[in-house]
Amino acid sequence: GNADTLNAQDGLFTLVERGLENGK
């Protein structure tokens, strides 16, 4: 799992949203 990695990053992570919204 990712427990160690989460703790090493102080619980932080980046969410990247990719796709189409209203055709764009």
PDBML (XML) file of the C-alpha atoms, coordinates in Angstrom:
<?xml version="1.0" encoding="UTF-8" ?>
<PDBx:datablock datablockName="MODEL"
   xmlns:PDBx="http://pdbml.pdb.org/schema/pdbx-v50.xsd"
   xmlns:xsi="http://www.w3.org/2001/XMLSchema-instance"
   xsi:schemaLocation="http://pdbml.pdb.org/schema/pdbx-v50.xsd pdbx-v50.xsd">
   <PDBx:atom_siteCategory>
      <PDBx:atom_site id="1">
         <PDBx:B_iso_or_equiv>0.00</PDBx:B_iso_or_equiv>
         <PDBx:Cartn_x>0.000</PDBx:Cartn_x>
         <PDBx:Cartn_y>0.000</PDBx:Cartn_y>
         <PDBx:Cartn_z>0.000</PDBx:Cartn_z>
         <PDBx:auth_asym_id>A</PDBx:auth_asym_id>
         <PDBx:auth_atom_id>CA</PDBx:auth_atom_id>
         <PDBx:auth_comp_id>GLY</PDBx:auth_comp_id>
         <PDBx:auth_seq_id>1</PDBx:auth_seq_id>
         <PDBx:group_PDB>ATOM</PDBx:group_PDB>
         <PDBx:label_alt_id xsi:nil="true" />
         <PDBx:label_asym_id>A</PDBx:label_asym_id>
         <PDBx:label_atom_id>CA</PDBx:label_atom_id>
         <PDBx:label_comp_id>GLY</PDBx:label_comp_id>
         <PDBx:label_entity_id>1</PDBx:label_entity_id>
         <PDBx:label_seq_id>1</PDBx:label_seq_id>
         <PDBx:occupancy>1.00</PDBx:occupancy>
         <PDBx:pdbx_PDB_model_num>1</PDBx:pdbx_PDB_model_num>
         <PDBx:type_symbol>C</PDBx:type_symbol>
      </PDBx:atom_site>
      <PDBx:atom_site id="2">
         <PDBx:B_iso_or_equiv>0.00</PDBx:B_iso_or_equiv>
         <PDBx:Cartn_x>0.892</PDBx:Cartn_x>
         <PDBx:Cartn_y>3.663</PDBx:Cartn_y>
         <PDBx:Cartn_z>0.083</PDBx:Cartn_z>
         <PDBx:auth_asym_id>A</PDBx:auth_asym_id>
         <PDBx:auth_atom_id>CA</PDBx:auth_atom_id>
         <PDBx:auth_comp_id>ASN</PDBx:auth_comp_id>
         <PDBx:auth_seq_id>2</PDBx:auth_seq_id>
         <PDBx:group_PDB>ATOM</PDBx:group_PDB>
         <PDBx:label_alt_id xsi:nil="true" />
         <PDBx:label_asym_id>A</PDBx:label_asym_id>
         <PDBx:label_atom_id>CA</PDBx:label_atom_id>
         <PDBx:label_comp_id>ASN</PDBx:label_comp_id>
         <PDBx:label_entity_id>1</PDBx:label_entity_id>
         <PDBx:label_seq_id>2</PDBx:label_seq_id>
         <PDBx:occupancy>1.00</PDBx:occupancy>
         <PDBx:pdbx_PDB_model_num>1</PDBx:pdbx_PDB_model_num>
         <PDBx:type_symbol>C</PDBx:type_symbol>
      </PDBx:atom_site>
      <PDBx:atom_site id="3">
         <PDBx:B_iso_or_equiv>0.00</PDBx:B_iso_or_equiv>
         <PDBx:Cartn_x>1.023</PDBx:Cartn_x>
         <PDBx:Cartn_y>4.367</PDBx:Cartn_y>
         <PDBx:Cartn_z>3.835</PDBx:Cartn_z>
         <PDBx:auth_asym_id>A</PDBx:auth_asym_id>
         <PDBx:auth_atom_id>CA</PDBx:auth_atom_id>
         <PDBx:auth_comp_id>ALA</PDBx:auth_comp_id>
         <PDBx:auth_seq_id>3</PDBx:auth_seq_id>
         <PDBx:group_PDB>ATOM</PDBx:group_PDB>
         <PDBx:label_alt_id xsi:nil="true" />
         <PDBx:label_asym_id>A</PDBx:label_asym_id>
         <PDBx:label_atom_id>CA</PDBx:label_atom_id>
         <PDBx:label_comp_id>ALA</PDBx:label_comp_id>
         <PDBx:label_entity_id>1</PDBx:label_entity_id>
         <PDBx:label_seq_id>3</PDBx:label_seq_id>
         <PDBx:occupancy>1.00</PDBx:occupancy>
         <PDBx:pdbx_PDB_model_num>1</PDBx:pdbx_PDB_model_num>
         <PDBx:type_symbol>C</PDBx:type_symbol>
      </PDBx:atom_site>
      <PDBx:atom_site id="4">
         <PDBx:B_iso_or_equiv>0.00</PDBx:B_iso_or_equiv>
         <PDBx:Cartn_x>4.762</PDBx:Cartn_x>
         <PDBx:Cartn_y>4.977</PDBx:Cartn_y>
         <PDBx:Cartn_z>3.967</PDBx:Cartn_z>
         <PDBx:auth_asym_id>A</PDBx:auth_asym_id>
         <PDBx:auth_atom_id>CA</PDBx:auth_atom_id>
         <PDBx:auth_comp_id>ASP</PDBx:auth_comp_id>
         <PDBx:auth_seq_id>4</PDBx:auth_seq_id>
         <PDBx:group_PDB>ATOM</PDBx:group_PDB>
         <PDBx:label_alt_id xsi:nil="true" />
         <PDBx:label_asym_id>A</PDBx:label_asym_id>
         <PDBx:label_atom_id>CA</PDBx:label_atom_id>
         <PDBx:label_comp_id>ASP</PDBx:label_comp_id>
         <PDBx:label_entity_id>1</PDBx:label_entity_id>
         <PDBx:label_seq_id>4</PDBx:label_seq_id>
         <PDBx:occupancy>1.00</PDBx:occupancy>
         <PDBx:pdbx_PDB_model_num>1</PDBx:pdbx_PDB_model_num>
         <PDBx:type_symbol>C</PDBx:type_symbol>
      </PDBx:atom_site>
      <PDBx:atom_site id="5">
         <PDBx:B_iso_or_equiv>0.00</PDBx:B_iso_or_equiv>
         <PDBx:Cartn_x>4.684</PDBx:Cartn_x>
         <PDBx:Cartn_y>7.211</PDBx:Cartn_y>
         <PDBx:Cartn_z>0.911</PDBx:Cartn_z>
         <PDBx:auth_asym_id>A</PDBx:auth_asym_id>
         <PDBx:auth_atom_id>CA</PDBx:auth_atom_id>
         <PDBx:auth_comp_id>THR</PDBx:auth_comp_id>
         <PDBx:auth_seq_id>5</PDBx:auth_seq_id>
         <PDBx:group_PDB>ATOM</PDBx:group_PDB>
         <PDBx:label_alt_id xsi:nil="true" />
         <PDBx:label_asym_id>A</PDBx:label_asym_id>
         <PDBx:label_atom_id>CA</PDBx:label_atom_id>
         <PDBx:label_comp_id>THR</PDBx:label_comp_id>
         <PDBx:label_entity_id>1</PDBx:label_entity_id>
         <PDBx:label_seq_id>5</PDBx:label_seq_id>
         <PDBx:occupancy>1.00</PDBx:occupancy>
         <PDBx:pdbx_PDB_model_num>1</PDBx:pdbx_PDB_model_num>
         <PDBx:type_symbol>C</PDBx:type_symbol>
      </PDBx:atom_site>
      <PDBx:atom_site id="6">
         <PDBx:B_iso_or_equiv>0.00</PDBx:B_iso_or_equiv>
         <PDBx:Cartn_x>1.749</PDBx:Cartn_x>
         <PDBx:Cartn_y>9.222</PDBx:Cartn_y>
         <PDBx:Cartn_z>2.265</PDBx:Cartn_z>
         <PDBx:auth_asym_id>A</PDBx:auth_asym_id>
         <PDBx:auth_atom_id>CA</PDBx:auth_atom_id>
         <PDBx:auth_comp_id>LEU</PDBx:auth_comp_id>
         <PDBx:auth_seq_id>6</PDBx:auth_seq_id>
         <PDBx:group_PDB>ATOM</PDBx:group_PDB>
         <PDBx:label_alt_id xsi:nil="true" />
         <PDBx:label_asym_id>A</PDBx:label_asym_id>
         <PDBx:label_atom_id>CA</PDBx:label_atom_id>
         <PDBx:label_comp_id>LEU</PDBx:label_comp_id>
         <PDBx:label_entity_id>1</PDBx:label_entity_id>
         <PDBx:label_seq_id>6</PDBx:label_seq_id>
         <PDBx:occupancy>1.00</PDBx:occupancy>
         <PDBx:pdbx_PDB_model_num>1</PDBx:pdbx_PDB_model_num>
         <PDBx:type_symbol>C</PDBx:type_symbol>
      </PDBx:atom_site>
      <PDBx:atom_site id="7">
         <PDBx:B_iso_or_equiv>0.00</PDBx:B_iso_or_equiv>
         <PDBx:Cartn_x>3.555</PDBx:Cartn_x>
         <PDBx:Cartn_y>9.796</PDBx:Cartn_y>
         <PDBx:Cartn_z>5.555</PDBx:Cartn_z>
         <PDBx:auth_asym_id>A</PDBx:auth_asym_id>
         <PDBx:auth_atom_id>CA</PDBx:auth_atom_id>
         <PDBx:auth_comp_id>ASN</PDBx:auth_comp_id>
         <PDBx:auth_seq_id>7</PDBx:auth_seq_id>
         <PDBx:group_PDB>ATOM</PDBx:group_PDB>
         <PDBx:label_alt_id xsi:nil="true" />
         <PDBx:label_asym_id>A</PDBx:label_asym_id>
         <PDBx:label_atom_id>CA</PDBx:label_atom_id>
         <PDBx:label_comp_id>ASN</PDBx:label_comp_id>
         <PDBx:label_entity_id>1</PDBx:label_entity_id>
         <PDBx:label_seq_id>7</PDBx:label_seq_id>
         <PDBx:occupancy>1.00</PDBx:occupancy>
         <PDBx:pdbx_PDB_model_num>1</PDBx:pdbx_PDB_model_num>
         <PDBx:type_symbol>C</PDBx:type_symbol>
      </PDBx:atom_site>
      <PDBx:atom_site id="8">
         <PDBx:B_iso_or_equiv>0.00</PDBx:B_iso_or_equiv>
         <PDBx:Cartn_x>6.777</PDBx:Cartn_x>
         <PDBx:Cartn_y>10.751</PDBx:Cartn_y>
         <PDBx:Cartn_z>3.771</PDBx:Cartn_z>
         <PDBx:auth_asym_id>A</PDBx:auth_asym_id>
         <PDBx:auth_atom_id>CA</PDBx:auth_atom_id>
         <PDBx:auth_comp_id>ALA</PDBx:auth_comp_id>
         <PDBx:auth_seq_id>8</PDBx:auth_seq_id>
         <PDBx:group_PDB>ATOM</PDBx:group_PDB>
         <PDBx:label_alt_id xsi:nil="true" />
         <PDBx:label_asym_id>A</PDBx:label_asym_id>
         <PDBx:label_atom_id>CA</PDBx:label_atom_id>
         <PDBx:label_comp_id>ALA</PDBx:label_comp_id>
         <PDBx:label_entity_id>1</PDBx:label_entity_id>
         <PDBx:label_seq_id>8</PDBx:label_seq_id>
         <PDBx:occupancy>1.00</PDBx:occupancy>
         <PDBx:pdbx_PDB_model_num>1</PDBx:pdbx_PDB_model_num>
         <PDBx:type_symbol>C</PDBx:type_symbol>
      </PDBx:atom_site>
      <PDBx:atom_site id="9">
         <PDBx:B_iso_or_equiv>0.00</PDBx:B_iso_or_equiv>
         <PDBx:Cartn_x>4.782</PDBx:Cartn_x>
         <PDBx:Cartn_y>13.417</PDBx:Cartn_y>
         <PDBx:Cartn_z>1.884</PDBx:Cartn_z>
         <PDBx:auth_asym_id>A</PDBx:auth_asym_id>
         <PDBx:auth_atom_id>CA</PDBx:auth_atom_id>
         <PDBx:auth_comp_id>GLN</PDBx:auth_comp_id>
         <PDBx:auth_seq_id>9</PDBx:auth_seq_id>
         <PDBx:group_PDB>ATOM</PDBx:group_PDB>
         <PDBx:label_alt_id xsi:nil="true" />
         <PDBx:label_asym_id>A</PDBx:label_asym_id>
         <PDBx:label_atom_id>CA</PDBx:label_atom_id>
         <PDBx:label_comp_id>GLN</PDBx:label_comp_id>
         <PDBx:label_entity_id>1</PDBx:label_entity_id>
         <PDBx:label_seq_id>9</PDBx:label_seq_id>
         <PDBx:occupancy>1.00</PDBx:occupancy>
         <PDBx:pdbx_PDB_model_num>1</PDBx:pdbx_PDB_model_num>
         <PDBx:type_symbol>C</PDBx:type_symbol>
      </PDBx:atom_site>
      <PDBx:atom_site id="10">
         <PDBx:B_iso_or_equiv>0.00</PDBx:B_iso_or_equiv>
         <PDBx:Cartn_x>2.915</PDBx:Cartn_x>
         <PDBx:Cartn_y>14.647</PDBx:Cartn_y>
         <PDBx:Cartn_z>5.011</PDBx:Cartn_z>
         <PDBx:auth_asym_id>A</PDBx:auth_asym_id>
         <PDBx:auth_atom_id>CA</PDBx:auth_atom_id>
         <PDBx:auth_comp_id>ASP</PDBx:auth_comp_id>
         <PDBx:auth_seq_id>10</PDBx:auth_seq_id>
         <PDBx:group_PDB>ATOM</PDBx:group_PDB>
         <PDBx:label_alt_id xsi:nil="true" />
         <PDBx:label_asym_id>A</PDBx:label_asym_id>
         <PDBx:label_atom_id>CA</PDBx:label_atom_id>
         <PDBx:label_comp_id>ASP</PDBx:label_comp_id>
         <PDBx:label_entity_id>1</PDBx:label_entity_id>
         <PDBx:label_seq_id>10</PDBx:label_seq_id>
         <PDBx:occupancy>1.00</PDBx:occupancy>
         <PDBx:pdbx_PDB_model_num>1</PDBx:pdbx_PDB_model_num>
         <PDBx:type_symbol>C</PDBx:type_symbol>
      </PDBx:atom_site>
      <PDBx:atom_site id="11">
         <PDBx:B_iso_or_equiv>0.00</PDBx:B_iso_or_equiv>
         <PDBx:Cartn_x>-0.298</PDBx:Cartn_x>
         <PDBx:Cartn_y>13.217</PDBx:Cartn_y>
         <PDBx:Cartn_z>3.523</PDBx:Cartn_z>
         <PDBx:auth_asym_id>A</PDBx:auth_asym_id>
         <PDBx:auth_atom_id>CA</PDBx:auth_atom_id>
         <PDBx:auth_comp_id>GLY</PDBx:auth_comp_id>
         <PDBx:auth_seq_id>11</PDBx:auth_seq_id>
         <PDBx:group_PDB>ATOM</PDBx:group_PDB>
         <PDBx:label_alt_id xsi:nil="true" />
         <PDBx:label_asym_id>A</PDBx:label_asym_id>
         <PDBx:label_atom_id>CA</PDBx:label_atom_id>
         <PDBx:label_comp_id>GLY</PDBx:label_comp_id>
         <PDBx:label_entity_id>1</PDBx:label_entity_id>
         <PDBx:label_seq_id>11</PDBx:label_seq_id>
         <PDBx:occupancy>1.00</PDBx:occupancy>
         <PDBx:pdbx_PDB_model_num>1</PDBx:pdbx_PDB_model_num>
         <PDBx:type_symbol>C</PDBx:type_symbol>
      </PDBx:atom_site>
      <PDBx:atom_site id="12">
         <PDBx:B_iso_or_equiv>0.00</PDBx:B_iso_or_equiv>
         <PDBx:Cartn_x>-0.073</PDBx:Cartn_x>
         <PDBx:Cartn_y>15.513</PDBx:Cartn_y>
         <PDBx:Cartn_z>0.496</PDBx:Cartn_z>
         <PDBx:auth_asym_id>A</PDBx:auth_asym_id>
         <PDBx:auth_atom_id>CA</PDBx:auth_atom_id>
         <PDBx:auth_comp_id>LEU</PDBx:auth_comp_id>
         <PDBx:auth_seq_id>12</PDBx:auth_seq_id>
         <PDBx:group_PDB>ATOM</PDBx:group_PDB>
         <PDBx:label_alt_id xsi:nil="true" />
         <PDBx:label_asym_id>A</PDBx:label_asym_id>
         <PDBx:label_atom_id>CA</PDBx:label_atom_id>
         <PDBx:label_comp_id>LEU</PDBx:label_comp_id>
         <PDBx:label_entity_id>1</PDBx:label_entity_id>
         <PDBx:label_seq_id>12</PDBx:label_seq_id>
         <PDBx:occupancy>1.00</PDBx:occupancy>
         <PDBx:pdbx_PDB_model_num>1</PDBx:pdbx_PDB_model_num>
         <PDBx:type_symbol>C</PDBx:type_symbol>
      </PDBx:atom_site>
      <PDBx:atom_site id="13">
         <PDBx:B_iso_or_equiv>0.00</PDBx:B_iso_or_equiv>
         <PDBx:Cartn_x>-0.595</PDBx:Cartn_x>
         <PDBx:Cartn_y>14.459</PDBx:Cartn_y>
         <PDBx:Cartn_z>-3.119</PDBx:Cartn_z>
         <PDBx:auth_asym_id>A</PDBx:auth_asym_id>
         <PDBx:auth_atom_id>CA</PDBx:auth_atom_id>
         <PDBx:auth_comp_id>PHE</PDBx:auth_comp_id>
         <PDBx:auth_seq_id>13</PDBx:auth_seq_id>
         <PDBx:group_PDB>ATOM</PDBx:group_PDB>
         <PDBx:label_alt_id xsi:nil="true" />
         <PDBx:label_asym_id>A</PDBx:label_asym_id>
         <PDBx:label_atom_id>CA</PDBx:label_atom_id>
         <PDBx:label_comp_id>PHE</PDBx:label_comp_id>
         <PDBx:label_entity_id>1</PDBx:label_entity_id>
         <PDBx:label_seq_id>13</PDBx:label_seq_id>
         <PDBx:occupancy>1.00</PDBx:occupancy>
         <PDBx:pdbx_PDB_model_num>1</PDBx:pdbx_PDB_model_num>
         <PDBx:type_symbol>C</PDBx:type_symbol>
      </PDBx:atom_site>
      <PDBx:atom_site id="14">
         <PDBx:B_iso_or_equiv>0.00</PDBx:B_iso_or_equiv>
         <PDBx:Cartn_x>-1.487</PDBx:Cartn_x>
         <PDBx:Cartn_y>16.110</PDBx:Cartn_y>
         <PDBx:Cartn_z>-6.403</PDBx:Cartn_z>
         <PDBx:auth_asym_id>A</PDBx:auth_asym_id>
         <PDBx:auth_atom_id>CA</PDBx:auth_atom_id>
         <PDBx:auth_comp_id>THR</PDBx:auth_comp_id>
         <PDBx:auth_seq_id>14</PDBx:auth_seq_id>
         <PDBx:group_PDB>ATOM</PDBx:group_PDB>
         <PDBx:label_alt_id xsi:nil="true" />
         <PDBx:label_asym_id>A</PDBx:label_asym_id>
         <PDBx:label_atom_id>CA</PDBx:label_atom_id>
         <PDBx:label_comp_id>THR</PDBx:label_comp_id>
         <PDBx:label_entity_id>1</PDBx:label_entity_id>
         <PDBx:label_seq_id>14</PDBx:label_seq_id>
         <PDBx:occupancy>1.00</PDBx:occupancy>
         <PDBx:pdbx_PDB_model_num>1</PDBx:pdbx_PDB_model_num>
         <PDBx:type_symbol>C</PDBx:type_symbol>
      </PDBx:atom_site>
      <PDBx:atom_site id="15">
         <PDBx:B_iso_or_equiv>0.00</PDBx:B_iso_or_equiv>
         <PDBx:Cartn_x>-4.780</PDBx:Cartn_x>
         <PDBx:Cartn_y>15.468</PDBx:Cartn_y>
         <PDBx:Cartn_z>-8.151</PDBx:Cartn_z>
         <PDBx:auth_asym_id>A</PDBx:auth_asym_id>
         <PDBx:auth_atom_id>CA</PDBx:auth_atom_id>
         <PDBx:auth_comp_id>LEU</PDBx:auth_comp_id>
         <PDBx:auth_seq_id>15</PDBx:auth_seq_id>
         <PDBx:group_PDB>ATOM</PDBx:group_PDB>
         <PDBx:label_alt_id xsi:nil="true" />
         <PDBx:label_asym_id>A</PDBx:label_asym_id>
         <PDBx:label_atom_id>CA</PDBx:label_atom_id>
         <PDBx:label_comp_id>LEU</PDBx:label_comp_id>
         <PDBx:label_entity_id>1</PDBx:label_entity_id>
         <PDBx:label_seq_id>15</PDBx:label_seq_id>
         <PDBx:occupancy>1.00</PDBx:occupancy>
         <PDBx:pdbx_PDB_model_num>1</PDBx:pdbx_PDB_model_num>
         <PDBx:type_symbol>C</PDBx:type_symbol>
      </PDBx:atom_site>
      <PDBx:atom_site id="16">
         <PDBx:B_iso_or_equiv>0.00</PDBx:B_iso_or_equiv>
         <PDBx:Cartn_x>-4.701</PDBx:Cartn_x>
         <PDBx:Cartn_y>15.927</PDBx:Cartn_y>
         <PDBx:Cartn_z>-11.921</PDBx:Cartn_z>
         <PDBx:auth_asym_id>A</PDBx:auth_asym_id>
         <PDBx:auth_atom_id>CA</PDBx:auth_atom_id>
         <PDBx:auth_comp_id>VAL</PDBx:auth_comp_id>
         <PDBx:auth_seq_id>16</PDBx:auth_seq_id>
         <PDBx:group_PDB>ATOM</PDBx:group_PDB>
         <PDBx:label_alt_id xsi:nil="true" />
         <PDBx:label_asym_id>A</PDBx:label_asym_id>
         <PDBx:label_atom_id>CA</PDBx:label_atom_id>
         <PDBx:label_comp_id>VAL</PDBx:label_comp_id>
         <PDBx:label_entity_id>1</PDBx:label_entity_id>
         <PDBx:label_seq_id>16</PDBx:label_seq_id>
         <PDBx:occupancy>1.00</PDBx:occupancy>
         <PDBx:pdbx_PDB_model_num>1</PDBx:pdbx_PDB_model_num>
         <PDBx:type_symbol>C</PDBx:type_symbol>
      </PDBx:atom_site>
      <PDBx:atom_site id="17">
         <PDBx:B_iso_or_equiv>0.00</PDBx:B_iso_or_equiv>
         <PDBx:Cartn_x>-8.097</PDBx:Cartn_x>
         <PDBx:Cartn_y>16.159</PDBx:Cartn_y>
         <PDBx:Cartn_z>-13.617</PDBx:Cartn_z>
         <PDBx:auth_asym_id>A</PDBx:auth_asym_id>
         <PDBx:auth_atom_id>CA</PDBx:auth_atom_id>
         <PDBx:auth_comp_id>GLU</PDBx:auth_comp_id>
         <PDBx:auth_seq_id>17</PDBx:auth_seq_id>
         <PDBx:group_PDB>ATOM</PDBx:group_PDB>
         <PDBx:label_alt_id xsi:nil="true" />
         <PDBx:label_asym_id>A</PDBx:label_asym_id>
         <PDBx:label_atom_id>CA</PDBx:label_atom_id>
         <PDBx:label_comp_id>GLU</PDBx:label_comp_id>
         <PDBx:label_entity_id>1</PDBx:label_entity_id>
         <PDBx:label_seq_id>17</PDBx:label_seq_id>
         <PDBx:occupancy>1.00</PDBx:occupancy>
         <PDBx:pdbx_PDB_model_num>1</PDBx:pdbx_PDB_model_num>
         <PDBx:type_symbol>C</PDBx:type_symbol>
      </PDBx:atom_site>
      <PDBx:atom_site id="18">
         <PDBx:B_iso_or_equiv>0.00</PDBx:B_iso_or_equiv>
         <PDBx:Cartn_x>-8.018</PDBx:Cartn_x>
         <PDBx:Cartn_y>15.526</PDBx:Cartn_y>
         <PDBx:Cartn_z>-17.355</PDBx:Cartn_z>
         <PDBx:auth_asym_id>A</PDBx:auth_asym_id>
         <PDBx:auth_atom_id>CA</PDBx:auth_atom_id>
         <PDBx:auth_comp_id>ARG</PDBx:auth_comp_id>
         <PDBx:auth_seq_id>18</PDBx:auth_seq_id>
         <PDBx:group_PDB>ATOM</PDBx:group_PDB>
         <PDBx:label_alt_id xsi:nil="true" />
         <PDBx:label_asym_id>A</PDBx:label_asym_id>
         <PDBx:label_atom_id>CA</PDBx:label_atom_id>
         <PDBx:label_comp_id>ARG</PDBx:label_comp_id>
         <PDBx:label_entity_id>1</PDBx:label_entity_id>
         <PDBx:label_seq_id>18</PDBx:label_seq_id>
         <PDBx:occupancy>1.00</PDBx:occupancy>
         <PDBx:pdbx_PDB_model_num>1</PDBx:pdbx_PDB_model_num>
         <PDBx:type_symbol>C</PDBx:type_symbol>
      </PDBx:atom_site>
      <PDBx:atom_site id="19">
         <PDBx:B_iso_or_equiv>0.00</PDBx:B_iso_or_equiv>
         <PDBx:Cartn_x>-10.884</PDBx:Cartn_x>
         <PDBx:Cartn_y>15.246</PDBx:Cartn_y>
         <PDBx:Cartn_z>-19.775</PDBx:Cartn_z>
         <PDBx:auth_asym_id>A</PDBx:auth_asym_id>
         <PDBx:auth_atom_id>CA</PDBx:auth_atom_id>
         <PDBx:auth_comp_id>GLY</PDBx:auth_comp_id>
         <PDBx:auth_seq_id>19</PDBx:auth_seq_id>
         <PDBx:group_PDB>ATOM</PDBx:group_PDB>
         <PDBx:label_alt_id xsi:nil="true" />
         <PDBx:label_asym_id>A</PDBx:label_asym_id>
         <PDBx:label_atom_id>CA</PDBx:label_atom_id>
         <PDBx:label_comp_id>GLY</PDBx:label_comp_id>
         <PDBx:label_entity_id>1</PDBx:label_entity_id>
         <PDBx:label_seq_id>19</PDBx:label_seq_id>
         <PDBx:occupancy>1.00</PDBx:occupancy>
         <PDBx:pdbx_PDB_model_num>1</PDBx:pdbx_PDB_model_num>
         <PDBx:type_symbol>C</PDBx:type_symbol>
      </PDBx:atom_site>
      <PDBx:atom_site id="20">
         <PDBx:B_iso_or_equiv>0.00</PDBx:B_iso_or_equiv>
         <PDBx:Cartn_x>-13.673</PDBx:Cartn_x>
         <PDBx:Cartn_y>17.096</PDBx:Cartn_y>
         <PDBx:Cartn_z>-21.534</PDBx:Cartn_z>
         <PDBx:auth_asym_id>A</PDBx:auth_asym_id>
         <PDBx:auth_atom_id>CA</PDBx:auth_atom_id>
         <PDBx:auth_comp_id>LEU</PDBx:auth_comp_id>
         <PDBx:auth_seq_id>20</PDBx:auth_seq_id>
         <PDBx:group_PDB>ATOM</PDBx:group_PDB>
         <PDBx:label_alt_id xsi:nil="true" />
         <PDBx:label_asym_id>A</PDBx:label_asym_id>
         <PDBx:label_atom_id>CA</PDBx:label_atom_id>
         <PDBx:label_comp_id>LEU</PDBx:label_comp_id>
         <PDBx:label_entity_id>1</PDBx:label_entity_id>
         <PDBx:label_seq_id>20</PDBx:label_seq_id>
         <PDBx:occupancy>1.00</PDBx:occupancy>
         <PDBx:pdbx_PDB_model_num>1</PDBx:pdbx_PDB_model_num>
         <PDBx:type_symbol>C</PDBx:type_symbol>
      </PDBx:atom_site>
      <PDBx:atom_site id="21">
         <PDBx:B_iso_or_equiv>0.00</PDBx:B_iso_or_equiv>
         <PDBx:Cartn_x>-16.091</PDBx:Cartn_x>
         <PDBx:Cartn_y>19.594</PDBx:Cartn_y>
         <PDBx:Cartn_z>-20.044</PDBx:Cartn_z>
         <PDBx:auth_asym_id>A</PDBx:auth_asym_id>
         <PDBx:auth_atom_id>CA</PDBx:auth_atom_id>
         <PDBx:auth_comp_id>GLU</PDBx:auth_comp_id>
         <PDBx:auth_seq_id>21</PDBx:auth_seq_id>
         <PDBx:group_PDB>ATOM</PDBx:group_PDB>
         <PDBx:label_alt_id xsi:nil="true" />
         <PDBx:label_asym_id>A</PDBx:label_asym_id>
         <PDBx:label_atom_id>CA</PDBx:label_atom_id>
         <PDBx:label_comp_id>GLU</PDBx:label_comp_id>
         <PDBx:label_entity_id>1</PDBx:label_entity_id>
         <PDBx:label_seq_id>21</PDBx:label_seq_id>
         <PDBx:occupancy>1.00</PDBx:occupancy>
         <PDBx:pdbx_PDB_model_num>1</PDBx:pdbx_PDB_model_num>
         <PDBx:type_symbol>C</PDBx:type_symbol>
      </PDBx:atom_site>
      <PDBx:atom_site id="22">
         <PDBx:B_iso_or_equiv>0.00</PDBx:B_iso_or_equiv>
         <PDBx:Cartn_x>-18.769</PDBx:Cartn_x>
         <PDBx:Cartn_y>21.011</PDBx:Cartn_y>
         <PDBx:Cartn_z>-22.329</PDBx:Cartn_z>
         <PDBx:auth_asym_id>A</PDBx:auth_asym_id>
         <PDBx:auth_atom_id>CA</PDBx:auth_atom_id>
         <PDBx:auth_comp_id>ASN</PDBx:auth_comp_id>
         <PDBx:auth_seq_id>22</PDBx:auth_seq_id>
         <PDBx:group_PDB>ATOM</PDBx:group_PDB>
         <PDBx:label_alt_id xsi:nil="true" />
         <PDBx:label_asym_id>A</PDBx:label_asym_id>
         <PDBx:label_atom_id>CA</PDBx:label_atom_id>
         <PDBx:label_comp_id>ASN</PDBx:label_comp_id>
         <PDBx:label_entity_id>1</PDBx:label_entity_id>
         <PDBx:label_seq_id>22</PDBx:label_seq_id>
         <PDBx:occupancy>1.00</PDBx:occupancy>
         <PDBx:pdbx_PDB_model_num>1</PDBx:pdbx_PDB_model_num>
         <PDBx:type_symbol>C</PDBx:type_symbol>
      </PDBx:atom_site>
      <PDBx:atom_site id="23">
         <PDBx:B_iso_or_equiv>0.00</PDBx:B_iso_or_equiv>
         <PDBx:Cartn_x>-16.755</PDBx:Cartn_x>
         <PDBx:Cartn_y>19.764</PDBx:Cartn_y>
         <PDBx:Cartn_z>-25.288</PDBx:Cartn_z>
         <PDBx:auth_asym_id>A</PDBx:auth_asym_id>
         <PDBx:auth_atom_id>CA</PDBx:auth_atom_id>
         <PDBx:auth_comp_id>GLY</PDBx:auth_comp_id>
         <PDBx:auth_seq_id>23</PDBx:auth_seq_id>
         <PDBx:group_PDB>ATOM</PDBx:group_PDB>
         <PDBx:label_alt_id xsi:nil="true" />
         <PDBx:label_asym_id>A</PDBx:label_asym_id>
         <PDBx:label_atom_id>CA</PDBx:label_atom_id>
         <PDBx:label_comp_id>GLY</PDBx:label_comp_id>
         <PDBx:label_entity_id>1</PDBx:label_entity_id>
         <PDBx:label_seq_id>23</PDBx:label_seq_id>
         <PDBx:occupancy>1.00</PDBx:occupancy>
         <PDBx:pdbx_PDB_model_num>1</PDBx:pdbx_PDB_model_num>
         <PDBx:type_symbol>C</PDBx:type_symbol>
      </PDBx:atom_site>
      <PDBx:atom_site id="24">
         <PDBx:B_iso_or_equiv>0.00</PDBx:B_iso_or_equiv>
         <PDBx:Cartn_x>-13.534</PDBx:Cartn_x>
         <PDBx:Cartn_y>21.511</PDBx:Cartn_y>
         <PDBx:Cartn_z>-24.266</PDBx:Cartn_z>
         <PDBx:auth_asym_id>A</PDBx:auth_asym_id>
         <PDBx:auth_atom_id>CA</PDBx:auth_atom_id>
         <PDBx:auth_comp_id>LYS</PDBx:auth_comp_id>
         <PDBx:auth_seq_id>24</PDBx:auth_seq_id>
         <PDBx:group_PDB>ATOM</PDBx:group_PDB>
         <PDBx:label_alt_id xsi:nil="true" />
         <PDBx:label_asym_id>A</PDBx:label_asym_id>
         <PDBx:label_atom_id>CA</PDBx:label_atom_id>
         <PDBx:label_comp_id>LYS</PDBx:label_comp_id>
         <PDBx:label_entity_id>1</PDBx:label_entity_id>
         <PDBx:label_seq_id>24</PDBx:label_seq_id>
         <PDBx:occupancy>1.00</PDBx:occupancy>
         <PDBx:pdbx_PDB_model_num>1</PDBx:pdbx_PDB_model_num>
         <PDBx:type_symbol>C</PDBx:type_symbol>
      </PDBx:atom_site>
   </PDBx:atom_siteCategory>
</PDBx:datablock>
